[in-house]
N, C-alpha and C. Protein backbone atom coordinates (compact mmCIF):
# COMPACT_ATOMS: atom_id res chain seq x y z
N MET A 1 -12.37 129.06 -33.48
CA MET A 1 -11.39 128.02 -33.66
C MET A 1 -10.10 128.44 -32.95
N ASP A 2 -9.61 127.56 -32.10
CA ASP A 2 -8.37 127.82 -31.38
C ASP A 2 -7.18 127.45 -32.23
N SER A 3 -6.08 128.11 -31.97
CA SER A 3 -4.86 127.77 -32.69
C SER A 3 -3.70 127.67 -31.71
N GLY A 4 -2.68 126.96 -32.14
CA GLY A 4 -1.48 126.81 -31.34
C GLY A 4 -0.26 127.05 -32.20
N TYR A 5 0.84 127.29 -31.56
CA TYR A 5 2.06 127.58 -32.31
C TYR A 5 2.85 126.30 -32.55
N CYS A 6 3.12 126.02 -33.80
CA CYS A 6 3.94 124.88 -34.19
C CYS A 6 5.38 125.36 -34.35
N GLN A 7 6.26 124.86 -33.49
CA GLN A 7 7.65 125.29 -33.56
C GLN A 7 8.34 124.72 -34.80
N LYS A 8 7.94 123.54 -35.24
CA LYS A 8 8.55 122.95 -36.43
C LYS A 8 8.26 123.80 -37.67
N ASP A 9 7.01 124.24 -37.82
CA ASP A 9 6.63 125.06 -38.97
C ASP A 9 6.82 126.55 -38.70
N ALA A 10 7.03 126.91 -37.44
CA ALA A 10 7.19 128.31 -37.03
C ALA A 10 6.00 129.17 -37.43
N LYS A 11 4.78 128.62 -37.16
CA LYS A 11 3.56 129.38 -37.43
C LYS A 11 2.40 128.83 -36.61
N GLU A 12 1.33 129.61 -36.55
CA GLU A 12 0.10 129.21 -35.87
C GLU A 12 -0.65 128.20 -36.73
N VAL A 13 -1.16 127.16 -36.08
CA VAL A 13 -1.94 126.14 -36.78
C VAL A 13 -3.21 125.86 -35.98
N PRO A 14 -4.31 125.47 -36.65
CA PRO A 14 -5.55 125.14 -35.94
C PRO A 14 -5.39 123.90 -35.06
N LEU A 15 -5.80 123.99 -33.81
CA LEU A 15 -5.66 122.87 -32.89
C LEU A 15 -6.56 121.70 -33.26
N ASP A 16 -7.72 121.97 -33.84
CA ASP A 16 -8.64 120.89 -34.17
C ASP A 16 -8.12 119.98 -35.27
N ARG A 17 -7.16 120.42 -36.04
CA ARG A 17 -6.57 119.57 -37.09
C ARG A 17 -5.44 118.71 -36.58
N GLY A 18 -4.92 119.04 -35.42
CA GLY A 18 -3.83 118.26 -34.84
C GLY A 18 -2.51 118.54 -35.52
N CYS A 19 -1.57 117.66 -35.28
CA CYS A 19 -0.22 117.81 -35.81
C CYS A 19 -0.23 117.65 -37.33
N ARG A 20 0.45 118.57 -37.99
CA ARG A 20 0.53 118.52 -39.45
C ARG A 20 1.53 117.49 -39.94
N HIS A 21 2.44 117.06 -39.07
CA HIS A 21 3.49 116.11 -39.44
C HIS A 21 3.60 115.01 -38.38
N PRO A 22 2.56 114.23 -38.16
CA PRO A 22 2.59 113.29 -37.04
C PRO A 22 3.63 112.17 -37.17
N LYS A 23 4.04 111.84 -38.38
CA LYS A 23 5.00 110.75 -38.56
C LYS A 23 6.41 111.24 -38.86
N ASP A 24 6.58 112.53 -39.04
CA ASP A 24 7.91 113.10 -39.29
C ASP A 24 8.63 113.31 -37.96
N TYR A 25 9.94 113.35 -38.04
CA TYR A 25 10.72 113.67 -36.85
C TYR A 25 10.47 115.12 -36.46
N CYS A 26 10.31 115.36 -35.16
CA CYS A 26 10.14 116.72 -34.66
C CYS A 26 10.87 116.82 -33.32
N GLN A 27 11.86 117.67 -33.27
CA GLN A 27 12.63 117.83 -32.05
C GLN A 27 11.82 118.47 -30.93
N PHE A 28 10.68 119.06 -31.25
CA PHE A 28 9.86 119.75 -30.25
C PHE A 28 8.71 118.89 -29.73
N ARG A 29 8.53 117.70 -30.25
CA ARG A 29 7.36 116.88 -29.96
C ARG A 29 7.16 116.62 -28.46
N GLN A 30 8.20 116.41 -27.71
CA GLN A 30 8.06 116.10 -26.28
C GLN A 30 7.45 117.25 -25.49
N ALA A 31 7.49 118.45 -26.03
CA ALA A 31 6.92 119.61 -25.34
C ALA A 31 5.84 120.29 -26.18
N CYS A 32 5.25 119.57 -27.13
CA CYS A 32 4.30 120.16 -28.08
C CYS A 32 2.86 120.03 -27.60
N MET A 33 2.21 121.15 -27.36
CA MET A 33 0.83 121.14 -26.91
C MET A 33 -0.10 120.59 -27.99
N ILE A 34 0.18 120.88 -29.24
CA ILE A 34 -0.63 120.37 -30.35
C ILE A 34 -0.60 118.85 -30.34
N HIS A 35 0.57 118.29 -30.16
CA HIS A 35 0.74 116.83 -30.13
C HIS A 35 -0.01 116.22 -28.94
N PHE A 36 0.11 116.83 -27.76
CA PHE A 36 -0.56 116.30 -26.58
C PHE A 36 -2.08 116.35 -26.73
N LEU A 37 -2.61 117.44 -27.26
CA LEU A 37 -4.06 117.54 -27.45
C LEU A 37 -4.56 116.51 -28.46
N GLN A 38 -3.79 116.29 -29.51
CA GLN A 38 -4.17 115.29 -30.52
C GLN A 38 -4.19 113.90 -29.90
N LYS A 39 -3.18 113.57 -29.12
CA LYS A 39 -3.13 112.27 -28.46
C LYS A 39 -4.30 112.09 -27.49
N GLU A 40 -4.65 113.15 -26.79
CA GLU A 40 -5.78 113.09 -25.85
C GLU A 40 -7.09 112.82 -26.59
N ARG A 41 -7.29 113.52 -27.72
CA ARG A 41 -8.50 113.29 -28.53
C ARG A 41 -8.56 111.86 -29.05
N GLU A 42 -7.42 111.36 -29.53
CA GLU A 42 -7.37 109.99 -30.05
C GLU A 42 -7.69 108.98 -28.95
N GLN A 43 -7.17 109.21 -27.75
CA GLN A 43 -7.44 108.31 -26.64
C GLN A 43 -8.92 108.30 -26.27
N LYS A 44 -9.55 109.46 -26.27
CA LYS A 44 -10.98 109.53 -25.97
C LYS A 44 -11.79 108.77 -27.02
N LEU A 45 -11.40 108.87 -28.28
CA LEU A 45 -12.10 108.14 -29.33
C LEU A 45 -11.92 106.64 -29.18
N ARG A 46 -10.73 106.21 -28.77
CA ARG A 46 -10.48 104.78 -28.56
C ARG A 46 -11.25 104.26 -27.36
N ASP A 47 -11.38 105.06 -26.33
CA ASP A 47 -12.07 104.64 -25.11
C ASP A 47 -13.58 104.60 -25.28
N ARG A 48 -14.11 105.44 -26.13
CA ARG A 48 -15.56 105.55 -26.28
C ARG A 48 -16.23 104.23 -26.68
N PRO A 49 -15.75 103.50 -27.69
CA PRO A 49 -16.41 102.23 -28.04
C PRO A 49 -16.35 101.21 -26.90
N ASN A 50 -15.28 101.22 -26.10
CA ASN A 50 -15.17 100.29 -24.98
C ASN A 50 -16.24 100.56 -23.94
N GLU A 51 -16.58 101.81 -23.72
CA GLU A 51 -17.64 102.15 -22.76
C GLU A 51 -18.97 101.63 -23.24
N ASP A 52 -19.26 101.71 -24.54
CA ASP A 52 -20.54 101.23 -25.07
C ASP A 52 -20.67 99.72 -24.96
N THR A 53 -19.61 98.97 -25.24
CA THR A 53 -19.70 97.52 -25.19
C THR A 53 -19.75 96.98 -23.78
N SER A 54 -19.18 97.69 -22.81
CA SER A 54 -19.18 97.22 -21.44
C SER A 54 -20.58 97.30 -20.83
N ASP A 55 -21.45 98.15 -21.35
CA ASP A 55 -22.82 98.27 -20.84
C ASP A 55 -23.74 97.18 -21.35
N GLN A 56 -23.30 96.39 -22.33
CA GLN A 56 -24.17 95.40 -22.95
C GLN A 56 -24.14 94.05 -22.24
N ARG A 57 -23.43 93.92 -21.17
CA ARG A 57 -23.33 92.62 -20.47
C ARG A 57 -24.60 92.25 -19.80
């Protein structure tokens, strides 16, 4: 399991769990690798159903 450093909490957190405070204000969010990876995973999940339905035409 990979981990990343959360500057808001000042500790290592598991990357697979994503941001521990996604709706709270975080001054580090614009440069947060945990946040970017979480957004990327969410985007892949959103895109996946669209790929399945486009093949049914």
